[in-house]
């Protein structure tokens, strides 16, 4: 089953420090969300 965001073309962007951003992205991807853009602050 395809994720609903893929059908309607929603874009997801994430901004944060490198450690929390990585954990957040992995968490979102485990629920089927796909990140299109990421800005990492070190």
N, C-alpha and C. Protein backbone atom coordinates (compact mmCIF):
# COMPACT_ATOMS: atom_id res chain seq x y z
N UNK A 1 0.83 -1.19 0.00
CA UNK A 1 0.00 0.00 0.00
C UNK A 1 0.88 1.25 0.00
N UNK A 2 0.58 2.17 -0.88
CA UNK A 2 1.37 3.40 -1.00
C UNK A 2 0.96 4.41 0.07
N UNK A 3 1.93 5.16 0.55
CA UNK A 3 1.65 6.18 1.58
C UNK A 3 0.81 7.30 0.97
N UNK A 4 -0.19 7.83 1.71
CA UNK A 4 -1.07 8.86 1.16
C UNK A 4 -0.35 10.13 0.71
N UNK A 5 0.76 10.52 1.36
CA UNK A 5 1.48 11.72 0.96
C UNK A 5 2.06 11.57 -0.43
N UNK A 6 2.42 10.36 -0.82
CA UNK A 6 2.97 10.13 -2.16
C UNK A 6 1.92 10.44 -3.23
N UNK A 7 0.66 10.10 -2.96
CA UNK A 7 -0.41 10.32 -3.93
C UNK A 7 -0.68 11.80 -4.16
N UNK A 8 -0.73 12.58 -3.08
CA UNK A 8 -1.11 13.98 -3.22
C UNK A 8 0.09 14.90 -3.39
N UNK A 9 1.30 14.35 -3.36
CA UNK A 9 2.50 15.12 -3.65
C UNK A 9 2.93 16.07 -2.55
N UNK A 10 2.64 15.75 -1.31
CA UNK A 10 3.08 16.61 -0.19
C UNK A 10 4.60 16.55 -0.07
N UNK A 11 5.19 17.66 0.28
CA UNK A 11 6.64 17.74 0.51
C UNK A 11 6.88 17.89 2.00
N UNK A 12 7.92 17.23 2.49
CA UNK A 12 8.28 17.31 3.90
C UNK A 12 9.71 17.81 4.01
N UNK A 13 9.92 18.81 4.84
CA UNK A 13 11.26 19.35 5.07
C UNK A 13 11.57 19.29 6.56
N UNK A 14 12.82 19.09 6.90
CA UNK A 14 13.26 19.00 8.29
C UNK A 14 14.44 19.93 8.49
N UNK A 15 14.43 20.68 9.59
CA UNK A 15 15.56 21.54 9.96
C UNK A 15 15.88 21.29 11.41
N UNK A 16 17.16 21.08 11.72
CA UNK A 16 17.55 20.87 13.11
C UNK A 16 19.02 20.52 13.23
N UNK A 17 19.45 20.24 14.46
CA UNK A 17 20.84 19.85 14.66
C UNK A 17 21.03 18.41 14.18
N UNK A 18 22.28 18.02 13.95
CA UNK A 18 22.53 16.76 13.26
C UNK A 18 22.03 15.52 14.00
N UNK A 19 22.11 15.50 15.33
CA UNK A 19 21.71 14.29 16.07
C UNK A 19 20.19 14.15 16.16
N UNK A 20 19.50 15.23 16.52
CA UNK A 20 18.04 15.14 16.62
C UNK A 20 17.40 15.00 15.25
N UNK A 21 17.98 15.64 14.23
CA UNK A 21 17.44 15.53 12.88
C UNK A 21 17.52 14.10 12.39
N UNK A 22 18.63 13.45 12.62
CA UNK A 22 18.80 12.05 12.18
C UNK A 22 17.77 11.15 12.85
N UNK A 23 17.60 11.28 14.16
CA UNK A 23 16.62 10.46 14.88
C UNK A 23 15.20 10.75 14.40
N UNK A 24 14.91 12.02 14.17
CA UNK A 24 13.58 12.43 13.72
C UNK A 24 13.27 11.85 12.34
N UNK A 25 14.24 11.94 11.42
CA UNK A 25 14.06 11.41 10.07
C UNK A 25 13.85 9.90 10.10
N UNK A 26 14.65 9.20 10.88
CA UNK A 26 14.50 7.74 10.98
C UNK A 26 13.13 7.38 11.54
N UNK A 27 12.66 8.14 12.52
CA UNK A 27 11.33 7.91 13.09
C UNK A 27 10.23 8.14 12.08
N UNK A 28 10.32 9.24 11.33
CA UNK A 28 9.31 9.53 10.31
C UNK A 28 9.30 8.46 9.22
N UNK A 29 10.49 8.05 8.78
CA UNK A 29 10.56 7.04 7.72
C UNK A 29 10.00 5.70 8.19
N UNK A 30 10.14 5.40 9.46
CA UNK A 30 9.59 4.13 9.97
C UNK A 30 8.06 4.14 9.92
N UNK A 31 7.45 5.35 9.92
CA UNK A 31 6.00 5.47 9.80
C UNK A 31 5.55 5.74 8.37
N UNK A 32 6.49 5.72 7.42
CA UNK A 32 6.13 5.86 6.02
C UNK A 32 6.21 7.26 5.46
N UNK A 33 6.71 8.23 6.23
CA UNK A 33 6.89 9.58 5.71
C UNK A 33 8.25 9.67 5.04
N UNK A 34 8.32 10.38 3.94
CA UNK A 34 9.57 10.51 3.21
C UNK A 34 10.01 11.96 3.24
N UNK A 35 11.27 12.19 3.55
CA UNK A 35 11.82 13.53 3.68
C UNK A 35 12.37 13.98 2.33
N UNK A 36 11.91 15.14 1.88
CA UNK A 36 12.36 15.68 0.60
C UNK A 36 13.56 16.61 0.76
N UNK A 37 13.58 17.38 1.85
CA UNK A 37 14.65 18.35 2.08
C UNK A 37 15.06 18.31 3.54
N UNK A 38 16.36 18.47 3.78
CA UNK A 38 16.88 18.47 5.14
C UNK A 38 17.99 19.50 5.26
N UNK A 39 17.88 20.37 6.28
CA UNK A 39 18.92 21.33 6.60
C UNK A 39 19.44 20.95 7.97
N UNK A 40 20.74 20.69 8.07
CA UNK A 40 21.34 20.27 9.34
C UNK A 40 22.23 21.37 9.88
N UNK A 41 22.03 21.69 11.16
CA UNK A 41 22.84 22.69 11.84
C UNK A 41 23.78 21.95 12.78
N UNK A 42 25.10 22.14 12.60
CA UNK A 42 26.03 21.39 13.45
C UNK A 42 26.45 22.20 14.67
